[in-house]
């Protein structure tokens, strides 16, 4: 059983930064692509970013490109999401998830991901 636990969310002002963390259980963490998704009230869950198992490849949604950075520390079984220049429209619950497929391409499709964390709330005030 894989457990993913997000942390680092909070209430910030527009233009501020936050760093989210996702700690994963299990010895095979380093074998899998990891992704971040978010869901705002009344909206569908949407893709934010993904990172390959070794960290060499990343993929971002257009809405966060240039502002967010995904990274990982396989020695600590943790994936991060550095969020800069936050906007009110970034307000959402942020989830990390694991892609078990071991495919080379990084996917924005939530159906590719099997284990999900409980989420951490990010609120950006204007």
Protein backbone atom coordinates (compact mmCIF):
# COMPACT_ATOMS: atom_id res chain seq x y z
CA UNK A 1 0.00 0.00 0.00
CA UNK A 2 1.31 3.40 -1.01
CA UNK A 3 0.54 6.46 1.07
CA UNK A 4 1.01 10.02 -0.13
CA UNK A 5 0.84 12.90 2.33
CA UNK A 6 0.85 16.50 1.14
CA UNK A 7 1.85 19.47 3.26
CA UNK A 8 2.82 23.11 2.90
CA UNK A 9 -0.46 24.68 1.90
CA UNK A 10 -1.78 27.85 3.44
CA UNK A 11 -3.23 31.32 2.99
CA UNK A 12 -1.04 33.78 1.11
CA UNK A 13 -1.38 37.00 -0.82
CA UNK A 14 -1.14 37.37 -4.58
CA UNK A 15 2.49 37.45 -5.65
CA UNK A 16 3.68 35.33 -2.72
CA UNK A 17 5.30 31.91 -2.88
CA UNK A 18 4.59 28.53 -1.33
CA UNK A 19 6.38 25.21 -1.42
CA UNK A 20 4.28 22.08 -1.27
CA UNK A 21 5.70 18.73 -0.27
CA UNK A 22 4.40 15.22 -0.85
CA UNK A 23 5.91 12.47 1.26
CA UNK A 24 5.48 8.95 -0.07
CA UNK A 25 5.72 5.62 1.68
CA UNK A 26 7.26 2.59 0.02
CA UNK A 27 10.67 1.66 -1.26
CA UNK A 28 9.71 1.94 -4.93
CA UNK A 29 8.97 5.67 -4.94
CA UNK A 30 11.99 6.37 -7.14
CA UNK A 31 10.61 4.09 -9.86
CA UNK A 32 7.55 6.17 -10.68
CA UNK A 33 6.50 9.38 -12.33
CA UNK A 34 4.79 11.70 -9.87
CA UNK A 35 2.27 14.42 -10.56
CA UNK A 36 0.52 17.36 -8.93
CA UNK A 37 -3.11 18.16 -9.58
CA UNK A 38 -5.48 20.73 -8.13
CA UNK A 39 -9.20 21.20 -7.70
CA UNK A 40 -10.92 24.50 -7.11
CA UNK A 41 -14.45 24.72 -5.65
CA UNK A 42 -17.03 23.86 -8.27
CA UNK A 43 -14.43 22.85 -10.83
CA UNK A 44 -12.98 19.59 -12.08
CA UNK A 45 -9.61 18.37 -10.94
CA UNK A 46 -6.90 19.66 -13.27
CA UNK A 47 -3.32 18.75 -14.00
CA UNK A 48 -0.57 21.02 -12.69
CA UNK A 49 2.80 19.33 -13.21
CA UNK A 50 4.56 15.97 -13.51
CA UNK A 51 8.11 14.74 -13.06
CA UNK A 52 9.78 11.59 -14.32
CA UNK A 53 11.14 8.95 -11.97
CA UNK A 54 14.69 10.31 -12.13
CA UNK A 55 13.70 13.96 -12.20
CA UNK A 56 15.17 14.55 -15.63
CA UNK A 57 11.88 15.33 -17.34
CA UNK A 58 9.12 17.67 -16.26
CA UNK A 59 5.82 18.74 -17.75
CA UNK A 60 3.60 21.68 -16.78
CA UNK A 61 0.14 22.97 -17.44
CA UNK A 62 0.23 26.18 -19.46
CA UNK A 63 -1.45 28.04 -16.60
CA UNK A 64 1.52 27.48 -14.25
CA UNK A 65 4.45 27.30 -16.66
CA UNK A 66 7.18 29.71 -15.64
CA UNK A 67 5.76 30.17 -12.14
CA UNK A 68 5.73 26.64 -10.67
CA UNK A 69 8.58 24.16 -10.44
CA UNK A 70 8.23 20.46 -9.68
CA UNK A 71 11.16 18.55 -8.22
CA UNK A 72 11.84 15.41 -6.24
CA UNK A 73 14.26 13.96 -3.73
CA UNK A 74 14.23 10.19 -4.17
CA UNK A 75 16.45 9.68 -1.13
CA UNK A 76 13.70 11.23 0.98
CA UNK A 77 10.74 9.81 -0.98
CA UNK A 78 9.43 13.33 -1.48
CA UNK A 79 8.18 15.38 -4.40
CA UNK A 80 7.91 19.16 -4.22
CA UNK A 81 5.97 21.90 -5.94
CA UNK A 82 7.53 25.35 -5.68
CA UNK A 83 4.86 27.92 -6.47
CA UNK A 84 5.92 31.50 -7.17
CA UNK A 85 3.98 34.58 -8.24
CA UNK A 86 0.79 33.05 -6.93
CA UNK A 87 -2.52 34.33 -8.27
CA UNK A 88 -6.03 34.15 -6.80
CA UNK A 89 -6.93 31.68 -9.55
CA UNK A 90 -4.34 29.27 -8.11
CA UNK A 91 -6.63 28.80 -5.10
CA UNK A 92 -7.46 25.11 -4.87
CA UNK A 93 -6.82 21.89 -3.02
CA UNK A 94 -3.55 20.48 -4.33
CA UNK A 95 -3.02 16.74 -4.65
CA UNK A 96 0.01 14.65 -5.46
CA UNK A 97 -0.38 11.35 -7.26
CA UNK A 98 1.63 8.42 -8.58
CA UNK A 99 1.71 7.23 -12.18
CA UNK A 100 2.41 3.47 -12.06
CA UNK A 101 2.69 2.97 -15.82
CA UNK A 102 6.49 3.48 -16.04
CA UNK A 103 5.94 4.99 -19.46
CA UNK A 104 8.41 7.52 -20.81
CA UNK A 105 5.80 10.16 -21.60
CA UNK A 106 4.50 12.34 -18.77
CA UNK A 107 0.74 12.45 -18.72
CA UNK A 108 -1.67 15.19 -17.65
CA UNK A 109 -4.53 12.67 -17.56
CA UNK A 110 -5.67 11.83 -14.04
CA UNK A 111 -6.69 8.31 -15.10
CA UNK A 112 -3.00 7.44 -15.47
CA UNK A 113 -2.45 7.98 -11.75
CA UNK A 114 -3.40 5.38 -9.18
CA UNK A 115 -2.52 6.57 -5.68
CA UNK A 116 -3.54 10.04 -4.47
CA UNK A 117 -2.87 12.03 -1.33
CA UNK A 118 -5.54 13.69 0.78
CA UNK A 119 -4.71 17.15 -0.53
CA UNK A 120 -3.52 20.43 0.94
CA UNK A 121 -5.43 23.70 0.67
CA UNK A 122 -3.83 26.68 -1.03
CA UNK A 123 -5.68 29.98 -0.82
CA UNK A 124 -4.41 33.09 -2.56
CA UNK A 125 -6.02 36.38 -1.65
CA UNK A 126 -6.02 39.36 -3.98
